[in-house]
C-alpha atoms as a PDB file:
ATOM      1  CA  UNK A   1     131.871 210.946  99.044  1.00  0.00           C
ATOM      2  CA  UNK A   2     128.153 210.274  99.089  1.00  0.00           C
ATOM      3  CA  UNK A   3     126.560 210.068  96.191  1.00  0.00           C
ATOM      4  CA  UNK A   4     122.715 210.081  95.035  1.00  0.00           C
ATOM      5  CA  UNK A   5     122.581 206.409  93.805  1.00  0.00           C
ATOM      6  CA  UNK A   6     119.854 204.135  96.194  1.00  0.00           C
ATOM      7  CA  UNK A   7     121.409 200.762  96.166  1.00  0.00           C
ATOM      8  CA  UNK A   8     119.095 197.662  96.944  1.00  0.00           C
ATOM      9  CA  UNK A   9     121.102 195.314  98.969  1.00  0.00           C
ATOM     10  CA  UNK A  10     119.486 191.526  98.771  1.00  0.00           C
ATOM     11  CA  UNK A  11     120.126 188.351  98.918  1.00  0.00           C
ATOM     12  CA  UNK A  12     119.491 186.001  95.889  1.00  0.00           C
ATOM     13  CA  UNK A  13     115.687 184.674  95.934  1.00  0.00           C
ATOM     14  CA  UNK A  14     114.676 187.781  98.055  1.00  0.00           C
ATOM     15  CA  UNK A  15     112.601 189.712  95.290  1.00  0.00           C
ATOM     16  CA  UNK A  16     115.452 192.862  95.027  1.00  0.00           C
ATOM     17  CA  UNK A  17     114.977 192.764  91.182  1.00  0.00           C
ATOM     18  CA  UNK A  18     110.881 192.743  91.820  1.00  0.00           C
ATOM     19  CA  UNK A  19     111.813 195.744  93.909  1.00  0.00           C
ATOM     20  CA  UNK A  20     114.036 197.617  91.822  1.00  0.00           C
ATOM     21  CA  UNK A  21     111.504 197.275  89.032  1.00  0.00           C
ATOM     22  CA  UNK A  22     108.644 198.503  91.422  1.00  0.00           C
ATOM     23  CA  UNK A  23     110.882 201.950  93.081  1.00  0.00           C
ATOM     24  CA  UNK A  24     111.810 202.723  88.967  1.00  0.00           C
ATOM     25  CA  UNK A  25     108.598 202.337  87.734  1.00  0.00           C
ATOM     26  CA  UNK A  26     106.845 204.784  90.445  1.00  0.00           C
ATOM     27  CA  UNK A  27     109.639 207.452  89.613  1.00  0.00           C
ATOM     28  CA  UNK A  28     108.777 207.603  86.120  1.00  0.00           C
ATOM     29  CA  UNK A  29     105.993 207.882  84.041  1.00  0.00           C
ATOM     30  CA  UNK A  30     106.897 206.205  81.004  1.00  0.00           C
ATOM     31  CA  UNK A  31     104.590 203.055  79.936  1.00  0.00           C
ATOM     32  CA  UNK A  32     104.451 200.550  82.963  1.00  0.00           C
ATOM     33  CA  UNK A  33     106.095 197.301  81.733  1.00  0.00           C
ATOM     34  CA  UNK A  34     105.774 194.075  82.726  1.00  0.00           C
ATOM     35  CA  UNK A  35     108.619 192.693  84.451  1.00  0.00           C
ATOM     36  CA  UNK A  36     107.753 189.223  84.878  1.00  0.00           C
ATOM     37  CA  UNK A  37     109.267 186.191  83.001  1.00  0.00           C
ATOM     38  CA  UNK A  38     107.094 182.569  82.998  1.00  0.00           C
ATOM     39  CA  UNK A  39     109.332 181.140  85.715  1.00  0.00           C
ATOM     40  CA  UNK A  40     107.968 184.335  88.486  1.00  0.00           C
ATOM     41  CA  UNK A  41     111.145 186.313  88.738  1.00  0.00           C
ATOM     42  CA  UNK A  42     111.480 189.556  87.242  1.00  0.00           C
ATOM     43  CA  UNK A  43     114.476 189.191  84.955  1.00  0.00           C
ATOM     44  CA  UNK A  44     112.135 190.748  82.612  1.00  0.00           C
ATOM     45  CA  UNK A  45     113.540 194.214  83.517  1.00  0.00           C
ATOM     46  CA  UNK A  46     116.913 194.732  83.520  1.00  0.00           C
ATOM     47  CA  UNK A  47     117.148 196.935  85.648  1.00  0.00           C
ATOM     48  CA  UNK A  48     121.044 198.132  87.118  1.00  0.00           C
ATOM     49  CA  UNK A  49     122.467 194.801  88.929  1.00  0.00           C
ATOM     50  CA  UNK A  50     125.907 195.292  89.547  1.00  0.00           C
ATOM     51  CA  UNK A  51     126.267 191.668  91.184  1.00  0.00           C
ATOM     52  CA  UNK A  52     128.444 191.775  94.200  1.00  0.00           C
ATOM     53  CA  UNK A  53     129.573 194.218  96.956  1.00  0.00           C
ATOM     54  CA  UNK A  54     133.283 194.786  94.830  1.00  0.00           C
ATOM     55  CA  UNK A  55     131.053 195.715  91.794  1.00  0.00           C
ATOM     56  CA  UNK A  56     129.324 197.857  93.899  1.00  0.00           C
ATOM     57  CA  UNK A  57     133.029 199.441  94.785  1.00  0.00           C
ATOM     58  CA  UNK A  58     133.642 200.303  91.356  1.00  0.00           C
ATOM     59  CA  UNK A  59     130.197 201.862  90.534  1.00  0.00           C
ATOM     60  CA  UNK A  60     130.754 204.887  93.576  1.00  0.00           C
ATOM     61  CA  UNK A  61     134.301 205.650  91.696  1.00  0.00           C
ATOM     62  CA  UNK A  62     132.631 205.967  88.289  1.00  0.00           C
ATOM     63  CA  UNK A  63     130.654 208.447  86.936  1.00  0.00           C
ATOM     64  CA  UNK A  64     127.678 206.536  86.724  1.00  0.00           C
ATOM     65  CA  UNK A  65     124.670 208.055  88.304  1.00  0.00           C
ATOM     66  CA  UNK A  66     121.906 205.566  88.510  1.00  0.00           C
ATOM     67  CA  UNK A  67     118.933 206.335  90.670  1.00  0.00           C
ATOM     68  CA  UNK A  68     118.619 202.639  92.102  1.00  0.00           C
ATOM     69  CA  UNK A  69     121.092 199.855  91.650  1.00  0.00           C
ATOM     70  CA  UNK A  70     120.999 196.252  92.955  1.00  0.00           C
ATOM     71  CA  UNK A  71     124.048 193.969  94.732  1.00  0.00           C
ATOM     72  CA  UNK A  72     124.541 190.893  96.543  1.00  0.00           C
ATOM     73  CA  UNK A  73     126.190 191.452  99.648  1.00  0.00           C
ATOM     74  CA  UNK A  74     128.039 188.857  99.993  1.00  0.00           C
ATOM     75  CA  UNK A  75     129.996 186.179  97.601  1.00  0.00           C
ATOM     76  CA  UNK A  76     132.775 184.610 100.342  1.00  0.00           C
ATOM     77  CA  UNK A  77     132.437 182.963 103.282  1.00  0.00           C
ATOM     78  CA  UNK A  78     134.535 185.428 104.951  1.00  0.00           C
ATOM     79  CA  UNK A  79     132.659 188.491 104.204  1.00  0.00           C
ATOM     80  CA  UNK A  80     130.529 190.451 106.830  1.00  0.00           C
ATOM     81  CA  UNK A  81     127.800 191.962 105.954  1.00  0.00           C
ATOM     82  CA  UNK A  82     127.513 193.823 108.684  1.00  0.00           C
ATOM     83  CA  UNK A  83     130.898 195.839 107.410  1.00  0.00           C
ATOM     84  CA  UNK A  84     129.273 195.693 103.993  1.00  0.00           C
ATOM     85  CA  UNK A  85     126.271 197.267 104.581  1.00  0.00           C
ATOM     86  CA  UNK A  86     128.045 199.970 106.627  1.00  0.00           C
ATOM     87  CA  UNK A  87     130.597 200.322 104.242  1.00  0.00           C
ATOM     88  CA  UNK A  88     128.046 201.109 101.575  1.00  0.00           C
ATOM     89  CA  UNK A  89     125.972 203.259 104.293  1.00  0.00           C
ATOM     90  CA  UNK A  90     129.051 205.400 104.549  1.00  0.00           C
ATOM     91  CA  UNK A  91     128.721 206.534 100.437  1.00  0.00           C
ATOM     92  CA  UNK A  92     124.805 206.938  99.931  1.00  0.00           C
ATOM     93  CA  UNK A  93     122.348 209.209 101.425  1.00  0.00           C
ATOM     94  CA  UNK A  94     119.770 205.966 101.822  1.00  0.00           C
ATOM     95  CA  UNK A  95     120.072 202.313 100.869  1.00  0.00           C
ATOM     96  CA  UNK A  96     117.488 199.363 101.388  1.00  0.00           C
ATOM     97  CA  UNK A  97     117.938 196.368 102.731  1.00  0.00           C
ATOM     98  CA  UNK A  98     115.873 193.709 101.646  1.00  0.00           C
ATOM     99  CA  UNK A  99     115.644 190.276 103.893  1.00  0.00           C
ATOM    100  CA  UNK A 100     113.842 186.910 104.002  1.00  0.00           C
ATOM    101  CA  UNK A 101     111.540 186.760 107.455  1.00  0.00           C
ATOM    102  CA  UNK A 102     111.118 183.829 109.170  1.00  0.00           C
ATOM    103  CA  UNK A 103     108.196 182.833 107.200  1.00  0.00           C
ATOM    104  CA  UNK A 104     109.605 182.791 104.395  1.00  0.00           C
ATOM    105  CA  UNK A 105     112.679 180.867 104.162  1.00  0.00           C
ATOM    106  CA  UNK A 106     111.793 177.807 101.699  1.00  0.00           C
ATOM    107  CA  UNK A 107     110.110 180.201  99.559  1.00  0.00           C
ATOM    108  CA  UNK A 108     114.020 182.446  99.079  1.00  0.00           C
ATOM    109  CA  UNK A 109     115.623 179.499  98.728  1.00  0.00           C
ATOM    110  CA  UNK A 110     113.354 177.487  96.012  1.00  0.00           C
ATOM    111  CA  UNK A 111     113.300 180.704  93.759  1.00  0.00           C
ATOM    112  CA  UNK A 112     117.536 180.529  94.452  1.00  0.00           C
ATOM    113  CA  UNK A 113     116.988 177.167  93.390  1.00  0.00           C
ATOM    114  CA  UNK A 114     114.692 177.334  90.537  1.00  0.00           C
ATOM    115  CA  UNK A 115     114.888 181.189  89.208  1.00  0.00           C
ATOM    116  CA  UNK A 116     118.078 182.119  88.336  1.00  0.00           C
ATOM    117  CA  UNK A 117     119.795 179.296  86.575  1.00  0.00           C
ATOM    118  CA  UNK A 118     118.151 176.822  84.120  1.00  0.00           C
ATOM    119  CA  UNK A 119     120.601 173.398  86.250  1.00  0.00           C
ATOM    120  CA  UNK A 120     121.940 175.070  89.841  1.00  0.00           C
ATOM    121  CA  UNK A 121     123.380 172.229  90.757  1.00  0.00           C
ATOM    122  CA  UNK A 122     125.882 171.543  87.610  1.00  0.00           C
ATOM    123  CA  UNK A 123     126.210 175.586  88.019  1.00  0.00           C
ATOM    124  CA  UNK A 124     127.508 175.433  91.761  1.00  0.00           C
ATOM    125  CA  UNK A 125     129.574 172.344  91.166  1.00  0.00           C
ATOM    126  CA  UNK A 126     131.590 174.150  88.176  1.00  0.00           C
ATOM    127  CA  UNK A 127     131.548 177.589  90.141  1.00  0.00           C
ATOM    128  CA  UNK A 128     131.839 176.390  94.245  1.00  0.00           C
ATOM    129  CA  UNK A 129     131.013 173.270  94.987  1.00  0.00           C
ATOM    130  CA  UNK A 130     133.803 170.482  95.185  1.00  0.00           C
ATOM    131  CA  UNK A 131     132.609 167.035  93.299  1.00  0.00           C
ATOM    132  CA  UNK A 132     134.627 165.320  95.452  1.00  0.00           C
ATOM    133  CA  UNK A 133     132.588 165.866  98.465  1.00  0.00           C
ATOM    134  CA  UNK A 134     129.906 163.690  95.873  1.00  0.00           C
ATOM    135  CA  UNK A 135     132.335 160.998  94.723  1.00  0.00           C
ATOM    136  CA  UNK A 136     134.001 160.876  97.965  1.00  0.00           C
ATOM    137  CA  UNK A 137     130.847 160.047 100.236  1.00  0.00           C
ATOM    138  CA  UNK A 138     128.676 158.555  98.299  1.00  0.00           C
ATOM    139  CA  UNK A 139     127.884 154.898  95.849  1.00  0.00           C
ATOM    140  CA  UNK A 140     128.888 157.035  92.741  1.00  0.00           C
ATOM    141  CA  UNK A 141     131.239 156.396  90.429  1.00  0.00           C
ATOM    142  CA  UNK A 142     134.142 159.032  88.830  1.00  0.00           C
ATOM    143  CA  UNK A 143     133.119 158.480  85.613  1.00  0.00           C
ATOM    144  CA  UNK A 144     129.554 159.657  85.888  1.00  0.00           C
ATOM    145  CA  UNK A 145     128.899 163.774  85.020  1.00  0.00           C
ATOM    146  CA  UNK A 146     127.718 165.568  88.047  1.00  0.00           C
ATOM    147  CA  UNK A 147     125.081 166.156  86.012  1.00  0.00           C
ATOM    148  CA  UNK A 148     123.691 162.568  85.914  1.00  0.00           C
ATOM    149  CA  UNK A 149     123.823 162.279  90.364  1.00  0.00           C
ATOM    150  CA  UNK A 150     120.629 160.254  90.991  1.00  0.00           C
ATOM    151  CA  UNK A 151     118.199 162.225  92.733  1.00  0.00           C
ATOM    152  CA  UNK A 152     118.150 160.632  95.963  1.00  0.00           C
ATOM    153  CA  UNK A 153     121.903 161.355  96.056  1.00  0.00           C
ATOM    154  CA  UNK A 154     121.338 165.330  95.744  1.00  0.00           C
ATOM    155  CA  UNK A 155     118.683 165.301  98.190  1.00  0.00           C
ATOM    156  CA  UNK A 156     120.889 163.690 100.869  1.00  0.00           C
ATOM    157  CA  UNK A 157     123.904 165.804  99.832  1.00  0.00           C
ATOM    158  CA  UNK A 158     121.709 169.564 100.047  1.00  0.00           C
ATOM    159  CA  UNK A 159     120.066 168.595 103.028  1.00  0.00           C
ATOM    160  CA  UNK A 160     123.532 168.269 105.030  1.00  0.00           C
ATOM    161  CA  UNK A 161     125.447 171.816 102.712  1.00  0.00           C
ATOM    162  CA  UNK A 162     122.089 173.901 101.559  1.00  0.00           C
ATOM    163  CA  UNK A 163     120.705 175.043 104.656  1.00  0.00           C
ATOM    164  CA  UNK A 164     123.939 175.476 106.390  1.00  0.00           C
ATOM    165  CA  UNK A 165     125.257 177.370 103.822  1.00  0.00           C
ATOM    166  CA  UNK A 166     122.557 179.358 102.980  1.00  0.00           C
ATOM    167  CA  UNK A 167     122.614 180.569 106.355  1.00  0.00           C
ATOM    168  CA  UNK A 168     125.572 181.252 106.963  1.00  0.00           C
ATOM    169  CA  UNK A 169     125.367 183.470 103.620  1.00  0.00           C
ATOM    170  CA  UNK A 170     122.185 185.791 104.784  1.00  0.00           C
ATOM    171  CA  UNK A 171     123.993 185.598 108.618  1.00  0.00           C
ATOM    172  CA  UNK A 172     120.795 185.033 110.333  1.00  0.00           C
ATOM    173  CA  UNK A 173     118.828 186.544 111.406  1.00  0.00           C
ATOM    174  CA  UNK A 174     121.340 189.725 110.610  1.00  0.00           C
ATOM    175  CA  UNK A 175     118.169 192.372 111.010  1.00  0.00           C
ATOM    176  CA  UNK A 176     118.676 191.829 114.958  1.00  0.00           C
ATOM    177  CA  UNK A 177     121.911 192.602 115.465  1.00  0.00           C
ATOM    178  CA  UNK A 178     122.728 195.122 112.656  1.00  0.00           C
ATOM    179  CA  UNK A 179     120.768 198.168 111.455  1.00  0.00           C
ATOM    180  CA  UNK A 180     122.168 201.917 110.302  1.00  0.00           C
ATOM    181  CA  UNK A 181     119.281 204.960 110.093  1.00  0.00           C
ATOM    182  CA  UNK A 182     120.580 205.432 106.482  1.00  0.00           C
ATOM    183  CA  UNK A 183     118.601 201.721 105.640  1.00  0.00           C
ATOM    184  CA  UNK A 184     115.576 200.824 105.226  1.00  0.00           C
ATOM    185  CA  UNK A 185     115.427 197.306 106.093  1.00  0.00           C
ATOM    186  CA  UNK A 186     112.340 195.181 103.601  1.00  0.00           C
ATOM    187  CA  UNK A 187     111.471 192.151 105.277  1.00  0.00           C
ATOM    188  CA  UNK A 188     110.721 189.628 102.250  1.00  0.00           C
ATOM    189  CA  UNK A 189     106.702 189.325 103.554  1.00  0.00           C
ATOM    190  CA  UNK A 190     106.120 193.296 103.830  1.00  0.00           C
ATOM    191  CA  UNK A 191     107.171 193.452 100.258  1.00  0.00           C
ATOM    192  CA  UNK A 192     104.599 190.629  99.065  1.00  0.00           C
ATOM    193  CA  UNK A 193     101.873 191.042 101.785  1.00  0.00           C
ATOM    194  CA  UNK A 194     101.680 195.083 103.216  1.00  0.00           C
ATOM    195  CA  UNK A 195     103.157 195.669  99.501  1.00  0.00           C
ATOM    196  CA  UNK A 196     101.411 199.362  99.693  1.00  0.00           C
ATOM    197  CA  UNK A 197     102.368 200.237 102.681  1.00  0.00           C
ATOM    198  CA  UNK A 198     105.832 198.800 101.997  1.00  0.00           C
ATOM    199  CA  UNK A 199     106.682 201.165  99.237  1.00  0.00           C
ATOM    200  CA  UNK A 200     105.267 204.144 101.103  1.00  0.00           C
ATOM    201  CA  UNK A 201     107.706 203.947 103.997  1.00  0.00           C
ATOM    202  CA  UNK A 202     110.515 203.105 101.390  1.00  0.00           C
ATOM    203  CA  UNK A 203     109.712 206.362  99.800  1.00  0.00           C
ATOM    204  CA  UNK A 204     109.009 208.388 103.157  1.00  0.00           C
ATOM    205  CA  UNK A 205     112.479 206.914 104.447  1.00  0.00           C
ATOM    206  CA  UNK A 206     114.537 207.665 101.575  1.00  0.00           C
ATOM    207  CA  UNK A 207     113.037 211.279 100.642  1.00  0.00           C
ATOM    208  CA  UNK A 208     111.703 210.109  97.349  1.00  0.00           C
ATOM    209  CA  UNK A 209     108.996 211.857  95.360  1.00  0.00           C
ATOM    210  CA  UNK A 210     106.931 209.195  93.442  1.00  0.00           C
ATOM    211  CA  UNK A 211     105.925 210.263  90.085  1.00  0.00           C
ATOM    212  CA  UNK A 212     102.835 208.166  90.108  1.00  0.00           C
ATOM    213  CA  UNK A 213     100.488 206.437  92.643  1.00  0.00           C
ATOM    214  CA  UNK A 214     101.510 202.813  93.603  1.00  0.00           C
ATOM    215  CA  UNK A 215      97.747 202.112  93.154  1.00  0.00           C
ATOM    216  CA  UNK A 216      99.000 201.830  89.773  1.00  0.00           C
ATOM    217  CA  UNK A 217     101.091 199.131  90.583  1.00  0.00           C
ATOM    218  CA  UNK A 218      98.791 197.318  92.502  1.00  0.00           C
ATOM    219  CA  UNK A 219      97.379 195.210  89.566  1.00  0.00           C
ATOM    220  CA  UNK A 220     101.338 193.966  89.013  1.00  0.00           C
ATOM    221  CA  UNK A 221     101.478 192.848  92.499  1.00  0.00           C
ATOM    222  CA  UNK A 222      98.537 190.331  91.745  1.00  0.00           C
ATOM    223  CA  UNK A 223      99.877 189.017  89.044  1.00  0.00           C
ATOM    224  CA  UNK A 224     103.266 188.543  90.762  1.00  0.00           C
ATOM    225  CA  UNK A 225     101.733 187.292  93.528  1.00  0.00           C
ATOM    226  CA  UNK A 226     100.043 184.677  91.504  1.00  0.00           C
ATOM    227  CA  UNK A 227     103.421 183.532  89.722  1.00  0.00           C
ATOM    228  CA  UNK A 228     104.890 183.026  92.853  1.00  0.00           C
ATOM    229  CA  UNK A 229     104.065 178.983  93.498  1.00  0.00           C
ATOM    230  CA  UNK A 230     106.457 178.531  96.665  1.00  0.00           C
ATOM    231  CA  UNK A 231     104.424 181.120  98.850  1.00  0.00           C
ATOM    232  CA  UNK A 232     103.273 178.195 100.525  1.00  0.00           C
ATOM    233  CA  UNK A 233     106.103 176.094 101.209  1.00  0.00           C
ATOM    234  CA  UNK A 234     107.320 176.985 104.512  1.00  0.00           C
ATOM    235  CA  UNK A 235     103.915 176.129 106.308  1.00  0.00           C
ATOM    236  CA  UNK A 236     103.564 173.183 104.644  1.00  0.00           C
ATOM    237  CA  UNK A 237     106.719 172.013 104.888  1.00  0.00           C
ATOM    238  CA  UNK A 238     106.300 172.265 109.047  1.00  0.00           C
ATOM    239  CA  UNK A 239     103.011 171.004 109.269  1.00  0.00           C
ATOM    240  CA  UNK A 240     104.937 167.781 107.173  1.00  0.00           C
ATOM    241  CA  UNK A 241     107.362 167.607 109.420  1.00  0.00           C
ATOM    242  CA  UNK A 242     104.963 168.317 112.833  1.00  0.00           C
ATOM    243  CA  UNK A 243     102.960 165.040 111.490  1.00  0.00           C
ATOM    244  CA  UNK A 244     105.809 162.844 110.716  1.00  0.00           C
ATOM    245  CA  UNK A 245     107.016 163.315 114.022  1.00  0.00           C
ATOM    246  CA  UNK A 246     103.742 163.126 115.704  1.00  0.00           C
ATOM    247  CA  UNK A 247     102.596 159.950 114.013  1.00  0.00           C
ATOM    248  CA  UNK A 248      99.612 161.427 112.626  1.00  0.00           C
ATOM    249  CA  UNK A 249      98.092 160.728 108.608  1.00  0.00           C
ATOM    250  CA  UNK A 250      99.011 163.721 106.604  1.00  0.00           C
ATOM    251  CA  UNK A 251      99.104 163.601 102.867  1.00  0.00           C
ATOM    252  CA  UNK A 252     100.535 166.170 100.516  1.00  0.00           C
ATOM    253  CA  UNK A 253     101.170 167.083  96.974  1.00  0.00           C
ATOM    254  CA  UNK A 254     104.533 166.132  95.498  1.00  0.00           C
ATOM    255  CA  UNK A 255     106.779 169.054  97.011  1.00  0.00           C
ATOM    256  CA  UNK A 256     109.319 171.129  95.133  1.00  0.00           C
ATOM    257  CA  UNK A 257     112.707 169.186  95.251  1.00  0.00           C
ATOM    258  CA  UNK A 258     114.391 171.786  97.737  1.00  0.00           C
ATOM    259  CA  UNK A 259     111.572 171.576  99.954  1.00  0.00           C
ATOM    260  CA  UNK A 260     112.310 167.744  99.980  1.00  0.00           C
ATOM    261  CA  UNK A 261     116.016 168.761 101.245  1.00  0.00           C
ATOM    262  CA  UNK A 262     115.088 170.828 104.222  1.00  0.00           C
ATOM    263  CA  UNK A 263     112.302 167.734 105.193  1.00  0.00           C
ATOM    264  CA  UNK A 264     115.528 165.536 105.257  1.00  0.00           C
ATOM    265  CA  UNK A 265     117.541 168.203 106.452  1.00  0.00           C
ATOM    266  CA  UNK A 266     114.878 169.160 109.863  1.00  0.00           C
ATOM    267  CA  UNK A 267     114.059 165.030 110.410  1.00  0.00           C
ATOM    268  CA  UNK A 268     117.942 165.250 111.287  1.00  0.00           C
ATOM    269  CA  UNK A 269     117.970 168.308 113.051  1.00  0.00           C
ATOM    270  CA  UNK A 270     115.050 166.309 115.372  1.00  0.00           C
ATOM    271  CA  UNK A 271     116.979 162.656 115.850  1.00  0.00           C
ATOM    272  CA  UNK A 272     116.184 160.942 112.565  1.00  0.00           C
ATOM    273  CA  UNK A 273     117.784 160.178 109.056  1.00  0.00           C
ATOM    274  CA  UNK A 274     115.779 158.488 106.051  1.00  0.00           C
ATOM    275  CA  UNK A 275     116.424 155.079 104.439  1.00  0.00           C
ATOM    276  CA  UNK A 276     117.154 156.752 101.151  1.00  0.00           C
ATOM    277  CA  UNK A 277     119.219 155.005  99.230  1.00  0.00           C
ATOM    278  CA  UNK A 278     117.093 154.560  95.433  1.00  0.00           C
ATOM    279  CA  UNK A 279     114.590 157.065  96.711  1.00  0.00           C
ATOM    280  CA  UNK A 280     114.715 159.231  94.141  1.00  0.00           C
ATOM    281  CA  UNK A 281     110.330 159.913  94.268  1.00  0.00           C
ATOM    282  CA  UNK A 282     109.728 161.372  97.829  1.00  0.00           C
ATOM    283  CA  UNK A 283     106.997 160.160  99.705  1.00  0.00           C
ATOM    284  CA  UNK A 284     103.963 162.657  99.408  1.00  0.00           C
ATOM    285  CA  UNK A 285     101.956 160.785 103.142  1.00  0.00           C
ATOM    286  CA  UNK A 286     103.598 161.123 106.490  1.00  0.00           C
ATOM    287  CA  UNK A 287     102.664 157.699 107.566  1.00  0.00           C
ATOM    288  CA  UNK A 288     105.422 156.428 104.535  1.00  0.00           C
ATOM    289  CA  UNK A 289     107.317 158.695 105.584  1.00  0.00           C
ATOM    290  CA  UNK A 290     107.754 158.165 109.133  1.00  0.00           C
ATOM    291  CA  UNK A 291     108.370 154.137 108.346  1.00  0.00           C
ATOM    292  CA  UNK A 292     111.550 155.379 106.159  1.00  0.00           C
ATOM    293  CA  UNK A 293     113.152 156.748 109.425  1.00  0.00           C
ATOM    294  CA  UNK A 294     115.766 155.385 112.007  1.00  0.00           C
ATOM    295  CA  UNK A 295     117.260 156.657 114.872  1.00  0.00           C
ATOM    296  CA  UNK A 296     120.303 158.562 114.916  1.00  0.00           C
END
C-alpha cells in the first residue's frame, strides 16, 4: 500500500521539526506562526511527530492522511537505518532524510543534549544507561543520586560513551552507503546555509506545489540561525585540539558541556588522557589543558 504522506526521517538534534514546519508553512496560506522557543529549537510547532519507526508502521495502517510526519529511524542498537529507510520508501511516493554532515557533528550533539530534555543526563540514566557504569568505575558512593554526579565524572564518562553511541545511532556516514530514488537526502549544513535552494530541491524531488514563496520564510530562517548558539562548535573544537596537540597558545570562551566531552574524547584518540579528577571547570586555554595531559 502506497500512502501520500511525506515522512521526514531524522535523528534528534538534526532539525527535522524545523523542516516539517518549513514544508507545512510553505504548503499553506494560513498566517505564519514562528516555531522557535527560547532554547533555539522549533518545538513551539507541534506538527506530526510519530516518534519512532514502530509508530510509523502503526500510522501507515491507520486512516490518518497527514501531508507531512516526522520520526526517528533508529531506537534500538539492532535497528538498521538502511532496512528502516527501505521499508519507509516502499510505503510512500516520496520521503525526506535529514542527516548531519561532517561539519555539524557537534552542532547536532549539543542540540541533542540541550534542546530536548531539561536534564539529558538524568533522563538517559533513567531510561537507557545502566547507573552501575558510574558506580562501578568512578569513586562515587552508591548513595549518591545519579543527578548529583560531579561534573568531571559526567564529562569523563561521556567521553567514553557518547561519541561511539552517537556514531552507532547515525551509522556514520550513512549517506555514503545508502540512497533511494524516492528519498531526498538533506544534509544539515545545506538546510541551514543553503536554505532556499534546499527547499526548492525538496519541492522538486517530492513533487510539491508550494502555496507561498520561500522568500516569505527567509526572515524566519534568519531568526532561526541567530538562535543556534552551537553553530561554531565543530570548527572551534577542532582548532582547540590542534592547538593543544601543536603546543600552541590558544584561548577560548567556556565551552558547552558536550563540546568539552568531545575534546576529551578526541585527545584520547590522539593518545592522551586528561588528569581530570576534580576538574569540574574545564580549561579555556590550550597551554593549561596541555599541562593536564599524559600519554596512554
